[in-house]
Amino acid sequence: MVLSFALYASLVALGNLTDYDANFFFVTHVLTMDTIFPGSRSLWRAVAAPGIHHAAYGLIIVTEIAVAILCWIGGLRMFRRVKQPLAFNQAKAMAILGLTLGFLLWFTGFMAIGGEWFLMWQSEVANGQQAAFRLVVIILMLLVYLAQPDEEKRV
């Protein structure tokens, strides 16, 4: 499961790197708040500086890459120790770190900051909250599963 998520995060990062403009425009709309309800009193939160848009998008991409790398390392370590319960439990650390970083990106970054601070939920054009929510649920399910200690089975 962790390796599957590592693949997903890798594909997301690759897509953002190879088709930079596609999601950069999404980030720009969120930060400029140009697609939220007209006349909103919260427009003072908008960020119009393109340099900040690029920096925010760069941070998103770097975080996606870090999530992918940590999940690949953690998943491969767990795979190599799958028949050794104690070593398998210890190998979970990198995967847990990667998934936690993913939670911070998609919940804190997209749902809290993007969704609530920049009112992404009001936009029909630039609203990534449903996608972020799906990822947060998957990540939380993986974290709960990984948090369970694996024990040696006695016959």
Protein backbone atom coordinates (compact mmCIF):
# COMPACT_ATOMS: atom_id res chain seq x y z
CA MET A 1 0.00 0.00 0.00
CA VAL A 2 2.83 2.37 0.84
CA LEU A 3 4.54 1.59 -2.45
CA SER A 4 1.27 2.29 -4.26
CA PHE A 5 1.08 5.68 -2.56
CA ALA A 6 4.74 6.30 -3.41
CA LEU A 7 3.87 5.65 -7.06
CA TYR A 8 0.90 8.03 -6.84
CA ALA A 9 2.96 10.82 -5.26
CA SER A 10 5.69 10.27 -7.86
CA LEU A 11 3.19 10.59 -10.71
CA VAL A 12 1.68 13.74 -9.21
CA ALA A 13 5.12 15.33 -8.83
CA LEU A 14 6.16 14.23 -12.32
CA GLY A 15 2.98 15.69 -13.78
CA ASN A 16 3.57 19.00 -12.02
CA LEU A 17 7.17 19.11 -13.25
CA THR A 18 6.47 18.12 -16.86
CA ASP A 19 3.28 20.19 -17.25
CA TYR A 20 4.11 23.02 -14.88
CA ASP A 21 1.56 25.49 -16.23
CA ALA A 22 -1.47 23.21 -15.82
CA ASN A 23 -1.50 23.29 -12.03
CA PHE A 24 0.38 26.58 -11.74
CA PHE A 25 -2.72 28.32 -13.05
CA PHE A 26 -4.73 26.49 -10.37
CA VAL A 27 -2.37 27.78 -7.66
CA THR A 28 -2.54 31.28 -9.14
CA HIS A 29 -6.35 31.28 -9.07
CA VAL A 30 -6.39 30.08 -5.47
CA LEU A 31 -3.87 32.66 -4.26
CA THR A 32 -5.35 35.59 -6.18
CA MET A 33 -8.84 34.53 -5.10
CA ASP A 34 -10.13 35.69 -8.50
CA THR A 35 -12.69 32.89 -8.81
CA ILE A 36 -14.39 33.14 -5.40
CA PHE A 37 -17.79 34.69 -4.78
CA PRO A 38 -17.90 38.28 -6.08
CA GLY A 39 -17.76 41.02 -3.48
CA SER A 40 -16.20 38.86 -0.78
CA ARG A 41 -14.93 40.80 2.23
CA SER A 42 -12.02 38.37 2.46
CA LEU A 43 -10.25 39.52 -0.69
CA TRP A 44 -7.67 41.29 1.47
CA ARG A 45 -6.13 37.82 1.88
CA ALA A 46 -5.39 37.55 -1.85
CA VAL A 47 -1.78 37.33 -2.98
CA ALA A 48 -1.18 38.89 -6.38
CA ALA A 49 2.63 38.56 -6.58
CA PRO A 50 3.64 36.02 -9.27
CA GLY A 51 6.90 35.33 -7.42
CA ILE A 52 4.95 34.11 -4.40
CA HIS A 53 2.75 31.98 -6.68
CA HIS A 54 5.85 30.29 -8.11
CA ALA A 55 7.35 29.86 -4.63
CA ALA A 56 4.14 28.30 -3.28
CA TYR A 57 3.88 25.96 -6.26
CA GLY A 58 7.55 25.09 -5.92
CA LEU A 59 7.00 24.22 -2.27
CA ILE A 60 4.07 22.00 -3.24
CA ILE A 61 6.17 20.16 -5.84
CA VAL A 62 9.16 19.75 -3.52
CA THR A 63 6.85 18.39 -0.83
CA GLU A 64 5.28 15.93 -3.29
CA ILE A 65 8.76 14.74 -4.26
CA ALA A 66 9.72 14.34 -0.59
CA VAL A 67 6.51 12.38 0.09
CA ALA A 68 7.27 10.10 -2.86
CA ILE A 69 10.90 9.52 -1.83
CA LEU A 70 10.06 8.83 1.82
CA CYS A 71 7.26 6.45 0.85
CA TRP A 72 9.47 4.63 -1.68
CA ILE A 73 12.22 4.21 0.92
CA GLY A 74 9.79 3.18 3.66
CA GLY A 75 7.84 0.84 1.41
CA LEU A 76 10.96 -0.88 0.10
CA ARG A 77 12.39 -1.23 3.61
CA MET A 78 9.15 -2.81 4.80
CA PHE A 79 9.01 -5.08 1.75
CA ARG A 80 12.52 -6.40 2.45
CA ARG A 81 11.58 -7.13 6.08
CA VAL A 82 8.06 -8.47 5.54
CA LYS A 83 8.85 -11.81 7.22
CA GLN A 84 10.63 -10.25 10.23
CA PRO A 85 7.96 -8.59 12.41
CA LEU A 86 10.31 -6.62 14.67
CA ALA A 87 12.41 -5.34 11.76
CA PHE A 88 9.23 -4.69 9.77
CA ASN A 89 7.86 -2.50 12.59
CA GLN A 90 11.11 -0.53 12.69
CA ALA A 91 11.08 -0.13 8.91
CA LYS A 92 7.73 1.68 9.06
CA ALA A 93 9.30 4.94 10.26
CA MET A 94 10.15 6.36 6.81
CA ALA A 95 6.75 5.44 5.40
CA ILE A 96 5.02 7.05 8.37
CA LEU A 97 7.15 10.16 7.91
CA GLY A 98 6.29 10.32 4.19
CA LEU A 99 2.58 9.82 4.79
CA THR A 100 2.59 12.41 7.58
CA LEU A 101 4.23 14.90 5.23
CA GLY A 102 1.53 14.07 2.66
CA PHE A 103 -1.13 14.74 5.30
CA LEU A 104 0.45 18.11 6.04
CA LEU A 105 0.51 18.98 2.34
CA TRP A 106 -3.01 17.91 1.39
CA PHE A 107 -4.84 18.69 4.64
CA THR A 108 -2.96 21.69 6.00
CA GLY A 109 -1.90 23.09 2.64
CA PHE A 110 -4.86 22.41 0.42
CA MET A 111 -7.82 22.04 2.77
CA ALA A 112 -6.92 24.44 5.58
CA ILE A 113 -4.84 27.13 3.89
CA GLY A 114 -6.16 26.85 0.32
CA GLY A 115 -9.70 25.88 1.22
CA GLU A 116 -10.37 28.10 4.20
CA TRP A 117 -7.84 30.94 4.15
CA PHE A 118 -7.99 31.50 0.40
CA LEU A 119 -11.64 30.34 0.20
CA MET A 120 -10.96 27.73 -2.48
CA TRP A 121 -14.28 26.11 -1.55
CA GLN A 122 -16.07 29.06 -3.20
CA SER A 123 -14.43 28.50 -6.59
CA GLU A 124 -15.95 26.44 -9.36
CA VAL A 125 -12.74 26.80 -11.38
CA ALA A 126 -9.99 26.19 -8.79
CA ASN A 127 -11.34 23.95 -6.07
CA GLY A 128 -9.14 21.03 -5.15
CA GLN A 129 -10.77 20.26 -1.83
CA GLN A 130 -12.51 17.05 -2.91
CA ALA A 131 -9.30 15.64 -4.36
CA ALA A 132 -7.36 16.72 -1.27
CA PHE A 133 -9.99 15.15 1.00
CA ARG A 134 -9.72 11.82 -0.84
CA LEU A 135 -5.96 11.86 -0.36
CA VAL A 136 -6.24 12.79 3.31
CA VAL A 137 -8.62 9.86 3.91
CA ILE A 138 -6.32 7.44 2.09
CA ILE A 139 -3.30 8.73 4.01
CA LEU A 140 -5.10 8.47 7.36
CA MET A 141 -6.22 4.92 6.59
CA LEU A 142 -2.65 3.98 5.70
CA LEU A 143 -1.30 5.63 8.85
CA VAL A 144 -3.81 3.82 11.06
CA TYR A 145 -2.93 0.53 9.39
CA LEU A 146 0.81 1.15 9.71
CA ALA A 147 0.48 2.16 13.36
CA GLN A 148 -0.70 -1.34 14.22
CA PRO A 149 2.23 -3.38 15.52
CA ASP A 150 3.02 -6.53 13.59
CA GLU A 151 3.73 -9.50 15.78
CA GLU A 152 5.25 -12.86 15.11
CA LYS A 153 2.57 -15.51 14.69
CA ARG A 154 2.88 -18.47 16.97
CA VAL A 155 1.83 -21.88 15.75
